[in-house]
């Protein structure tokens, strides 16, 4: 094939960059609310009761983001925000393919022309030390589909993950000993079980189906024999289907459901209800949304510091820019600078490579609940290692371990949490007291339910990859690979499929 003149190669590289960057002018398209706010809205804002036939109106008493009675300090608000921001972080920073060109060249002075620098076509999700060669251009695209299955070992799609909504501090008896002085102002003291109906809970069971489709256009240009520059421009589509099923846990207004020893008629089911006359009614809320647009553009450079046969030592930098809409999960929400040391070699039909690096992050994660402090995008420790097998001159088979440690991102544990409520003897005046909540005849009780809790620390995510690169003709490469999670930590995907095409000029 006739070699392109250097000026034409440079113009081609610029053209690829312009085509990619043109997408920056295309705004993300999504439905309301923004995808990063779907879960907080469903759990914390949209669960609404009937007015109730006893006591004050109860419609929004379990909605801590309700505009008529916002409670940002309600414990469930912090739990939902932490869950949501960690999901958003992992969702928008899932690994992209390597910047390494599949075909590398070195100038052979003995014959005055370029020759292949390696018989291997290189890894898919790691770097190798080799550069593509002076004034060489590699351009192409890849498509990646990721569907998410579990979070910290809990299924996302079957209601296993539950949040428990406490009743708002709406009101109280000023004189609880005589059930007198009822007022609709919050109780300023520490006793939140006055009046007793505030001991009821709502269980919100989450079912979530989330999928991303990422098409990235990539270009890599050899400035010198040792120095490459490149960029990757991803276009992302996110599909999110979230459903919450709310169930009233009637610890107080129908305690017989939790304590068979109590009389079955000791219910005031229509105090808190989704449907009058139906104490077992539930409420299901659902948002099916999507967003599409430009993701976070990545600028890349690599310098081949030390050369050995088939590899050596290189230093690389990936600069990830906040060009994607973080509120719709198309971008991470900040700038990430990943510094890498790359070691690789080639012996016979096997190539080996290892990467270690650190990512500095600046910016805030999407999904912050109003009234709370935004979570910062975490720094990362990055490490990758793997092998390449040269099955034939036209086929390379690869396998890698890809590790990321998100510093101070935290881990979630499923723990048994205790909720206090008052076992009620309604209007038991004359009974020695004070009882629970200062109300005569009432006894303080506890109930335990399993709920996620954030544990401080680092979050380590480990993926395995396997794939093949095939050279059907000339300088054309076709690649196909899969990524699969190796631990249950964090947001865990199903098998991710990746296909790509690139061409060396």
Protein backbone atom coordinates (compact mmCIF):
# COMPACT_ATOMS: atom_id res chain seq x y z
CA UNK A 1 0.00 0.00 0.00
CA UNK A 2 1.31 3.48 -0.88
CA UNK A 3 2.41 5.44 2.19
CA UNK A 4 0.60 8.73 2.86
CA UNK A 5 2.74 11.84 2.85
CA UNK A 6 3.47 13.21 6.34
CA UNK A 7 1.38 16.35 5.80
CA UNK A 8 -1.59 14.26 4.68
CA UNK A 9 -1.20 12.05 7.75
CA UNK A 10 -1.19 15.07 10.04
CA UNK A 11 -4.27 16.49 8.30
CA UNK A 12 -6.00 13.12 8.68
CA UNK A 13 -5.23 13.08 12.40
CA UNK A 14 -6.58 16.60 12.77
CA UNK A 15 -9.67 15.61 10.82
CA UNK A 16 -10.40 12.71 13.14
CA UNK A 17 -10.01 14.99 16.14
CA UNK A 18 -12.35 17.61 14.64
CA UNK A 19 -14.98 15.01 13.85
CA UNK A 20 -14.82 13.76 17.41
CA UNK A 21 -14.82 17.16 19.04
CA UNK A 22 -17.76 18.25 16.92
CA UNK A 23 -19.88 16.11 19.17
CA UNK A 24 -19.13 18.49 22.01
CA UNK A 25 -21.65 20.88 20.52
CA UNK A 26 -24.37 18.25 20.63
CA UNK A 27 -26.24 18.49 23.94
CA UNK A 28 -27.29 15.40 25.85
CA UNK A 29 -30.86 14.35 25.24
CA UNK A 30 -32.78 12.96 28.16
CA UNK A 31 -36.14 12.83 29.82
CA UNK A 32 -36.95 14.68 33.05
CA UNK A 33 -35.79 14.35 35.74
CA UNK A 34 -32.04 14.01 35.01
CA UNK A 35 -30.96 10.38 35.31
CA UNK A 36 -28.76 11.05 38.35
CA UNK A 37 -31.86 12.28 40.24
CA UNK A 38 -34.24 9.47 39.31
CA UNK A 39 -33.50 7.32 42.37
CA UNK A 40 -33.61 10.14 44.99
CA UNK A 41 -36.87 11.38 43.52
CA UNK A 42 -38.49 7.94 43.52
CA UNK A 43 -37.50 7.04 47.07
CA UNK A 44 -37.40 10.39 48.86
CA UNK A 45 -39.93 12.60 47.07
CA UNK A 46 -42.63 10.70 45.22
CA UNK A 47 -43.98 8.25 47.82
CA UNK A 48 -47.24 9.92 48.86
CA UNK A 49 -50.03 8.60 51.08
CA UNK A 50 -53.73 9.26 51.14
CA UNK A 51 -54.64 12.10 53.49
CA UNK A 52 -55.60 9.73 56.31
CA UNK A 53 -58.78 9.51 58.34
CA UNK A 54 -57.17 10.10 61.74
CA UNK A 55 -54.91 12.88 62.95
CA UNK A 56 -53.33 15.51 60.70
CA UNK A 57 -52.91 15.09 56.91
CA UNK A 58 -50.26 12.42 56.30
CA UNK A 59 -49.69 12.56 52.51
CA UNK A 60 -46.01 13.60 52.55
CA UNK A 61 -45.01 12.48 56.03
CA UNK A 62 -42.66 9.81 54.62
CA UNK A 63 -41.24 12.04 51.86
CA UNK A 64 -38.16 13.76 53.33
CA UNK A 65 -37.65 15.81 50.14
CA UNK A 66 -41.22 17.05 50.03
CA UNK A 67 -41.28 20.82 49.52
CA UNK A 68 -43.85 21.10 52.31
CA UNK A 69 -41.71 19.41 54.92
CA UNK A 70 -38.14 18.76 53.76
CA UNK A 71 -35.96 16.85 56.24
CA UNK A 72 -32.43 16.58 54.80
CA UNK A 73 -31.22 15.19 58.15
CA UNK A 74 -33.60 12.24 57.99
CA UNK A 75 -31.24 9.19 58.11
CA UNK A 76 -32.58 7.67 54.90
CA UNK A 77 -31.60 10.78 52.92
CA UNK A 78 -27.90 10.22 53.62
CA UNK A 79 -28.20 6.51 52.83
CA UNK A 80 -29.90 7.14 49.47
CA UNK A 81 -27.42 9.90 48.54
CA UNK A 82 -24.39 7.72 49.32
CA UNK A 83 -25.85 4.84 47.33
CA UNK A 84 -26.78 7.10 44.43
CA UNK A 85 -23.46 8.95 44.17
CA UNK A 86 -21.43 5.73 44.37
CA UNK A 87 -23.58 4.24 41.60
CA UNK A 88 -23.11 7.40 39.49
CA UNK A 89 -19.32 7.38 40.01
CA UNK A 90 -18.85 3.78 38.92
CA UNK A 91 -21.41 4.10 36.16
CA UNK A 92 -19.66 7.00 34.44
CA UNK A 93 -16.02 5.89 34.93
CA UNK A 94 -16.25 2.35 33.54
CA UNK A 95 -12.97 1.56 31.67
CA UNK A 96 -12.54 2.50 28.01
CA UNK A 97 -10.30 0.57 25.63
CA UNK A 98 -6.55 1.09 25.38
CA UNK A 99 -5.01 3.92 23.36
CA UNK A 100 -2.25 1.64 22.07
CA UNK A 101 -2.30 1.23 18.31
CA UNK A 102 -2.63 -2.38 17.26
CA UNK A 103 0.14 -2.05 14.69
CA UNK A 104 3.47 -0.58 15.74
CA UNK A 105 6.36 0.38 13.51
CA UNK A 106 10.07 1.16 13.83
CA UNK A 107 12.29 2.71 11.19
CA UNK A 108 14.86 0.23 9.95
CA UNK A 109 17.85 2.32 8.91
CA UNK A 110 19.52 -0.65 7.23
CA UNK A 111 16.84 -0.75 4.54
CA UNK A 112 15.53 2.81 4.87
CA UNK A 113 11.90 1.94 5.57
CA UNK A 114 9.46 1.05 8.35
CA UNK A 115 8.93 -2.48 9.62
CA UNK A 116 6.57 -3.95 12.21
CA UNK A 117 7.81 -3.33 15.73
CA UNK A 118 5.99 -6.33 17.16
CA UNK A 119 4.31 -9.48 15.90
CA UNK A 120 1.59 -8.92 18.53
CA UNK A 121 -1.34 -6.59 17.99
CA UNK A 122 -1.25 -5.63 21.66
CA UNK A 123 -3.71 -5.66 24.57
CA UNK A 124 -7.26 -4.34 24.60
CA UNK A 125 -7.62 -2.72 28.04
CA UNK A 126 -4.00 -2.12 28.95
CA UNK A 127 -1.01 -0.24 27.56
CA UNK A 128 2.26 -1.61 26.24
CA UNK A 129 5.51 0.33 26.04
CA UNK A 130 5.73 0.30 22.24
CA UNK A 131 4.70 3.42 20.30
CA UNK A 132 3.21 3.30 16.80
CA UNK A 133 6.11 4.96 14.99
CA UNK A 134 7.10 8.40 13.75
CA UNK A 135 4.40 10.06 11.60
CA UNK A 136 2.22 6.98 11.78
CA UNK A 137 -1.51 7.35 12.39
CA UNK A 138 -3.88 4.82 13.89
CA UNK A 139 -7.61 5.61 13.84
CA UNK A 140 -10.76 3.64 14.54
CA UNK A 141 -13.74 3.13 16.78
CA UNK A 142 -15.11 0.64 19.26
CA UNK A 143 -18.54 -0.15 20.63
CA UNK A 144 -19.08 -1.26 24.21
CA UNK A 145 -22.26 -2.47 25.91
CA UNK A 146 -22.46 -2.75 29.68
CA UNK A 147 -25.47 -3.92 31.69
CA UNK A 148 -25.41 -3.81 35.48
CA UNK A 149 -26.60 -6.70 37.63
CA UNK A 150 -25.69 -6.30 41.32
CA UNK A 151 -24.55 -3.76 43.89
CA UNK A 152 -22.33 -5.06 46.71
CA UNK A 153 -23.61 -8.57 46.00
CA UNK A 154 -27.29 -7.57 46.11
CA UNK A 155 -29.43 -7.98 43.01
CA UNK A 156 -30.47 -4.69 41.45
CA UNK A 157 -33.49 -5.92 39.53
CA UNK A 158 -35.65 -7.86 42.01
CA UNK A 159 -36.40 -5.57 44.97
CA UNK A 160 -33.69 -7.07 47.20
CA UNK A 161 -32.26 -3.61 47.99
CA UNK A 162 -34.57 -1.84 50.43
CA UNK A 163 -34.63 1.57 52.05
CA UNK A 164 -36.65 2.39 55.18
CA UNK A 165 -38.36 5.76 55.36
CA UNK A 166 -38.89 7.18 58.84
CA UNK A 167 -41.89 9.35 59.58
CA UNK A 168 -41.23 13.05 59.56
CA UNK A 169 -41.25 14.95 62.84
CA UNK A 170 -44.54 16.58 61.96
CA UNK A 171 -46.26 17.29 65.24
CA UNK A 172 -46.59 16.42 68.92
CA UNK A 173 -48.69 16.54 72.09
CA UNK A 174 -47.49 19.44 74.23
CA UNK A 175 -48.94 17.61 77.25
CA UNK A 176 -48.45 13.91 76.40
CA UNK A 177 -49.44 12.70 79.89
CA UNK A 178 -52.99 13.87 79.19
CA UNK A 179 -52.96 13.58 75.39
CA UNK A 180 -53.47 17.34 75.25
CA UNK A 181 -52.07 20.32 73.39
CA UNK A 182 -51.71 18.66 69.99
CA UNK A 183 -49.79 20.90 67.59
CA UNK A 184 -48.48 20.50 64.05
CA UNK A 185 -45.05 21.85 64.92
CA UNK A 186 -42.01 19.55 65.21
CA UNK A 187 -40.96 18.24 68.59
CA UNK A 188 -37.73 19.97 69.52
CA UNK A 189 -36.70 17.36 72.09
CA UNK A 190 -35.05 14.01 71.49
CA UNK A 191 -38.21 11.93 71.81
CA UNK A 192 -39.62 11.42 68.33
CA UNK A 193 -42.36 8.92 69.31
CA UNK A 194 -44.83 11.60 70.37
CA UNK A 195 -47.41 11.00 68.97
CA UNK A 196 -46.95 7.23 68.53
CA UNK A 197 -47.93 7.01 64.85
CA UNK A 198 -44.50 8.45 64.00
CA UNK A 199 -43.12 4.98 64.71
CA UNK A 200 -44.52 3.55 61.46
CA UNK A 201 -42.08 3.02 58.57
CA UNK A 202 -42.29 2.66 54.81
CA UNK A 203 -40.21 0.00 53.12
CA UNK A 204 -39.09 1.11 49.63
CA UNK A 205 -37.89 -1.87 47.56
CA UNK A 206 -35.74 -0.93 44.56
CA UNK A 207 -35.68 -2.67 41.18
CA UNK A 208 -33.18 -1.15 38.73
CA UNK A 209 -32.21 -2.04 35.17
CA UNK A 210 -29.31 0.05 33.84
CA UNK A 211 -27.45 -0.30 30.55
CA UNK A 212 -24.85 1.84 28.77
CA UNK A 213 -23.93 1.81 25.08
CA UNK A 214 -20.63 3.58 24.34
CA UNK A 215 -19.23 4.20 20.87
CA UNK A 216 -15.76 5.75 21.01
CA UNK A 217 -13.84 7.19 18.08
CA UNK A 218 -10.10 7.06 18.65
CA UNK A 219 -6.97 8.41 16.99
CA UNK A 220 -3.30 7.92 17.84
CA UNK A 221 -0.42 9.73 16.13
CA UNK A 222 3.31 9.13 16.36
CA UNK A 223 5.02 12.49 16.80
CA UNK A 224 8.42 10.75 16.99
CA UNK A 225 9.63 7.18 17.19
CA UNK A 226 9.19 7.41 20.96
CA UNK A 227 6.29 9.79 21.48
CA UNK A 228 2.60 9.20 20.71
CA UNK A 229 -0.36 11.53 21.21
CA UNK A 230 -4.00 10.63 20.83
CA UNK A 231 -7.58 11.14 21.89
CA UNK A 232 -10.75 9.16 22.43
CA UNK A 233 -14.18 10.75 21.93
CA UNK A 234 -17.00 8.63 23.40
CA UNK A 235 -20.66 8.96 22.54
CA UNK A 236 -22.82 7.43 25.24
CA UNK A 237 -26.40 6.26 25.52
CA UNK A 238 -27.74 5.39 28.97
CA UNK A 239 -30.98 3.47 29.52
CA UNK A 240 -32.36 3.49 33.06
CA UNK A 241 -35.49 1.73 34.24
CA UNK A 242 -36.09 2.24 37.96
CA UNK A 243 -39.03 0.97 39.98
CA UNK A 244 -39.77 1.38 43.69
CA UNK A 245 -42.45 -0.60 45.50
CA UNK A 246 -43.49 1.06 48.76
CA UNK A 247 -45.07 -0.90 51.62
CA UNK A 248 -46.23 0.56 54.93
CA UNK A 249 -44.64 -1.15 57.93
CA UNK A 250 -47.45 -0.67 60.48
CA UNK A 251 -45.46 -1.05 63.67
CA UNK A 252 -47.89 1.28 65.43
CA UNK A 253 -51.05 1.72 63.38
CA UNK A 254 -51.54 -2.03 62.96
CA UNK A 255 -49.12 -3.71 65.38
CA UNK A 256 -50.89 -7.08 65.19
CA UNK A 257 -49.17 -7.58 61.84
CA UNK A 258 -45.84 -7.76 63.69
CA UNK A 259 -46.98 -9.08 67.07
CA UNK A 260 -49.54 -11.94 66.86
CA UNK A 261 -50.20 -11.64 70.60
CA UNK A 262 -51.98 -8.34 70.05
CA UNK A 263 -55.69 -8.22 69.14
CA UNK A 264 -56.38 -8.08 65.42
CA UNK A 265 -58.77 -5.16 65.85
CA UNK A 266 -56.03 -2.97 67.35
CA UNK A 267 -55.54 -1.27 63.97
CA UNK A 268 -55.92 2.25 62.73
CA UNK A 269 -54.95 1.30 59.17
CA UNK A 270 -56.34 4.40 57.53
CA UNK A 271 -54.02 6.67 59.49
CA UNK A 272 -51.25 5.81 57.03
CA UNK A 273 -52.57 4.28 53.84
CA UNK A 274 -52.18 4.12 50.08
CA UNK A 275 -55.80 2.98 49.69
CA UNK A 276 -58.66 3.51 52.14
CA UNK A 277 -59.93 0.26 53.58
CA UNK A 278 -56.96 -1.77 52.31
CA UNK A 279 -54.27 -2.05 54.96
CA UNK A 280 -52.09 -4.18 52.64
CA UNK A 281 -52.09 -1.79 49.68
CA UNK A 282 -48.72 -0.92 48.21
CA UNK A 283 -47.59 1.85 45.88
CA UNK A 284 -45.37 1.27 42.83
CA UNK A 285 -43.52 4.17 41.24
CA UNK A 286 -41.50 3.88 38.05
CA UNK A 287 -39.26 5.97 35.80
CA UNK A 288 -38.05 4.67 32.43
CA UNK A 289 -35.58 7.21 31.08
CA UNK A 290 -32.67 7.51 28.72
CA UNK A 291 -29.97 10.01 27.86
CA UNK A 292 -27.63 10.21 24.89
CA UNK A 293 -24.77 12.51 24.02
CA UNK A 294 -21.08 13.21 24.23
CA UNK A 295 -19.17 11.49 27.02
CA UNK A 296 -15.91 12.56 28.65
CA UNK A 297 -13.20 13.15 26.02
CA UNK A 298 -9.83 11.58 26.82
CA UNK A 299 -6.54 13.14 25.66
CA UNK A 300 -3.63 10.71 25.73
CA UNK A 301 0.12 10.75 25.40
CA UNK A 302 2.85 8.15 25.87
CA UNK A 303 6.64 8.31 25.77
CA UNK A 304 8.82 5.23 25.22
CA UNK A 305 11.54 5.84 27.81
CA UNK A 306 13.58 2.63 27.59
CA UNK A 307 13.63 0.31 24.60
CA UNK A 308 14.15 -3.42 24.65
CA UNK A 309 13.21 -6.00 22.03
CA UNK A 310 9.42 -6.05 21.74
CA UNK A 311 8.83 -3.55 24.55
CA UNK A 312 10.60 -1.73 27.35
CA UNK A 313 9.47 1.02 29.71
CA UNK A 314 7.10 3.88 28.93
CA UNK A 315 5.36 6.69 30.77
CA UNK A 316 1.81 7.67 29.84
CA UNK A 317 -0.79 10.27 30.73
CA UNK A 318 -4.55 10.13 30.15
CA UNK A 319 -6.41 13.39 30.71
CA UNK A 320 -10.16 12.85 30.98
CA UNK A 321 -12.11 16.07 30.47
CA UNK A 322 -15.59 16.77 31.94
CA UNK A 323 -17.33 17.12 28.57
CA UNK A 324 -20.12 14.64 29.36
CA UNK A 325 -23.30 15.67 31.17
CA UNK A 326 -22.79 14.28 34.67
CA UNK A 327 -26.42 14.87 35.64
CA UNK A 328 -27.45 12.37 32.97
CA UNK A 329 -24.63 9.92 33.79
CA UNK A 330 -22.80 10.64 30.54
CA UNK A 331 -19.71 11.96 32.33
CA UNK A 332 -17.93 11.68 35.66
CA UNK A 333 -18.38 15.31 36.72
CA UNK A 334 -14.75 16.35 36.93
CA UNK A 335 -11.27 16.21 35.45
CA UNK A 336 -9.26 13.00 35.88
CA UNK A 337 -5.51 12.83 35.23
CA UNK A 338 -4.16 9.28 35.08
CA UNK A 339 -0.37 8.85 35.28
CA UNK A 340 0.91 5.43 34.20
CA UNK A 341 4.17 3.50 34.13
CA UNK A 342 4.11 0.82 31.48
CA UNK A 343 6.35 -2.24 31.19
CA UNK A 344 6.12 -4.78 28.37
CA UNK A 345 8.15 -7.34 26.50
CA UNK A 346 7.78 -10.04 23.88
CA UNK A 347 9.32 -13.50 23.97
CA UNK A 348 8.58 -15.92 21.22
CA UNK A 349 4.82 -16.12 20.72
CA UNK A 350 4.02 -14.46 24.05
CA UNK A 351 3.88 -10.82 25.02
CA UNK A 352 3.63 -9.57 28.60
CA UNK A 353 2.58 -6.19 29.93
CA UNK A 354 1.99 -4.50 33.28
CA UNK A 355 0.69 -1.02 34.10
CA UNK A 356 0.63 0.79 37.41
CA UNK A 357 -0.59 4.31 37.94
CA UNK A 358 -2.52 6.89 39.90
CA UNK A 359 -5.52 9.01 38.88
CA UNK A 360 -5.95 12.48 40.34
CA UNK A 361 -9.56 13.62 40.27
CA UNK A 362 -11.07 17.06 40.70
CA UNK A 363 -14.82 17.65 40.71
CA UNK A 364 -18.09 16.62 42.32
CA UNK A 365 -20.15 13.53 41.58
CA UNK A 366 -23.71 13.84 40.30
CA UNK A 367 -26.73 12.68 42.25
CA UNK A 368 -26.39 14.95 45.27
CA UNK A 369 -29.58 15.43 47.26
CA UNK A 370 -30.62 19.04 47.88
CA UNK A 371 -29.45 20.22 51.27
CA UNK A 372 -26.48 17.83 51.49
CA UNK A 373 -22.83 18.31 50.57
CA UNK A 374 -21.81 16.94 47.17
CA UNK A 375 -19.48 13.94 47.14
CA UNK A 376 -16.08 14.47 45.52
CA UNK A 377 -14.93 12.41 42.58
CA UNK A 378 -12.43 9.95 44.13
CA UNK A 379 -8.79 9.51 43.24
CA UNK A 380 -7.87 6.06 41.93
CA UNK A 381 -4.97 3.63 42.13
CA UNK A 382 -4.77 1.80 38.79
CA UNK A 383 -3.09 -1.52 38.00
CA UNK A 384 -3.34 -3.84 35.03
CA UNK A 385 -1.41 -6.90 33.92
CA UNK A 386 -1.79 -9.52 31.25
CA UNK A 387 -0.46 -11.57 28.36
CA UNK A 388 -0.77 -11.64 24.60
CA UNK A 389 -0.52 -14.87 22.62
CA UNK A 390 0.44 -14.62 18.95
CA UNK A 391 -1.71 -17.40 17.58
CA UNK A 392 -0.69 -16.61 14.00
CA UNK A 393 0.73 -13.62 12.11
CA UNK A 394 -2.85 -12.36 11.74
CA UNK A 395 -4.33 -13.27 15.13
CA UNK A 396 -3.46 -12.16 18.67
CA UNK A 397 -5.31 -13.48 21.70
CA UNK A 398 -5.20 -11.40 24.89
CA UNK A 399 -6.11 -11.69 28.56
CA UNK A 400 -5.86 -9.08 31.33
CA UNK A 401 -6.68 -8.28 34.92
CA UNK A 402 -7.85 -4.66 35.29
CA UNK A 403 -7.87 -3.23 38.81
CA UNK A 404 -9.05 0.08 40.22
CA UNK A 405 -9.01 1.19 43.85
CA UNK A 406 -11.29 4.19 44.41
CA UNK A 407 -9.79 5.97 47.38
CA UNK A 408 -12.12 6.81 50.26
CA UNK A 409 -15.15 5.92 48.14
CA UNK A 410 -16.46 3.61 50.89
CA UNK A 411 -18.13 0.21 50.83
CA UNK A 412 -21.75 -0.69 51.54
CA UNK A 413 -22.68 -3.50 53.92
CA UNK A 414 -26.11 -5.00 54.45
CA UNK A 415 -26.66 -4.62 58.20
CA UNK A 416 -29.51 -5.18 60.62
CA UNK A 417 -30.81 -1.79 61.76
CA UNK A 418 -32.99 -1.20 64.80
CA UNK A 419 -36.00 1.09 64.62
CA UNK A 420 -37.78 2.26 67.76
CA UNK A 421 -41.56 2.50 67.98
CA UNK A 422 -44.25 2.74 70.64
CA UNK A 423 -46.57 -0.16 71.40
CA UNK A 424 -49.77 1.72 71.91
CA UNK A 425 -52.61 1.61 74.38
CA UNK A 426 -54.71 4.37 72.87
CA UNK A 427 -55.68 7.22 75.21
CA UNK A 428 -54.96 5.22 78.34
CA UNK A 429 -55.51 8.11 80.72
CA UNK A 430 -55.09 7.32 84.39
CA UNK A 431 -52.47 4.61 83.70
CA UNK A 432 -49.26 5.14 85.69
CA UNK A 433 -46.63 6.79 83.52
CA UNK A 434 -45.00 8.36 81.78
CA UNK A 435 -44.71 5.68 79.15
CA UNK A 436 -42.94 5.66 75.80
CA UNK A 437 -42.89 9.17 74.31
CA UNK A 438 -44.28 10.48 77.57
CA UNK A 439 -47.62 8.85 76.77
CA UNK A 440 -49.25 6.81 79.57
CA UNK A 441 -49.61 3.09 78.90
CA UNK A 442 -47.29 3.09 75.88
CA UNK A 443 -44.25 0.83 75.82
CA UNK A 444 -41.10 1.47 73.79
CA UNK A 445 -40.28 -1.42 71.46
CA UNK A 446 -37.79 -2.04 68.66
CA UNK A 447 -37.95 -3.79 65.30
CA UNK A 448 -35.00 -4.76 63.10
CA UNK A 449 -34.75 -4.71 59.32
CA UNK A 450 -31.81 -5.16 56.94
CA UNK A 451 -30.64 -2.00 55.19
CA UNK A 452 -27.47 -0.87 53.43
CA UNK A 453 -24.97 1.14 55.47
CA UNK A 454 -21.89 2.98 54.21
CA UNK A 455 -18.55 1.87 55.67
CA UNK A 456 -15.59 4.28 55.23
CA UNK A 457 -12.59 3.06 53.28
CA UNK A 458 -11.42 2.27 49.77
CA UNK A 459 -13.43 0.47 47.10
CA UNK A 460 -11.48 -2.02 44.96
CA UNK A 461 -12.96 -3.11 41.64
CA UNK A 462 -11.38 -5.96 39.68
CA UNK A 463 -12.27 -7.00 36.13
CA UNK A 464 -11.02 -9.78 33.90
CA UNK A 465 -10.81 -9.36 30.14
CA UNK A 466 -10.34 -11.77 27.27
CA UNK A 467 -10.32 -11.02 23.58
CA UNK A 468 -8.89 -11.43 20.12
CA UNK A 469 -7.50 -9.10 17.45
CA UNK A 470 -7.67 -10.19 13.83
CA UNK A 471 -5.89 -8.71 10.81
CA UNK A 472 -8.00 -9.71 7.77
CA UNK A 473 -6.17 -7.60 5.22
CA UNK A 474 -3.53 -4.88 4.96
CA UNK A 475 -3.41 -2.61 8.00
CA UNK A 476 -6.99 -3.28 9.11
CA UNK A 477 -7.63 -4.73 12.58
CA UNK A 478 -10.88 -6.10 13.96
CA UNK A 479 -11.13 -6.77 17.70
CA UNK A 480 -13.65 -8.42 19.97
CA UNK A 481 -13.47 -8.88 23.73
CA UNK A 482 -15.43 -9.37 26.91
CA UNK A 483 -15.01 -7.87 30.37
CA UNK A 484 -16.30 -9.69 33.43
CA UNK A 485 -16.26 -8.81 37.14
CA UNK A 486 -14.08 -10.87 39.47
CA UNK A 487 -15.52 -9.63 42.77
CA UNK A 488 -18.91 -8.59 44.17
CA UNK A 489 -17.64 -5.18 45.25
CA UNK A 490 -19.50 -2.06 44.22
CA UNK A 491 -21.57 -1.85 41.07
CA UNK A 492 -21.12 -5.15 39.24
CA UNK A 493 -21.82 -5.57 35.55
CA UNK A 494 -22.88 -8.56 33.61
CA UNK A 495 -20.43 -9.60 30.90
CA UNK A 496 -19.51 -6.48 28.90
CA UNK A 497 -19.04 -6.95 25.17
CA UNK A 498 -16.65 -4.82 23.13
CA UNK A 499 -16.06 -4.82 19.38
CA UNK A 500 -13.78 -2.49 17.46
CA UNK A 501 -12.17 -1.65 14.15
CA UNK A 502 -8.99 0.34 13.59
CA UNK A 503 -6.68 1.09 10.72
CA UNK A 504 -3.02 2.06 10.60
CA UNK A 505 -1.96 4.64 8.00
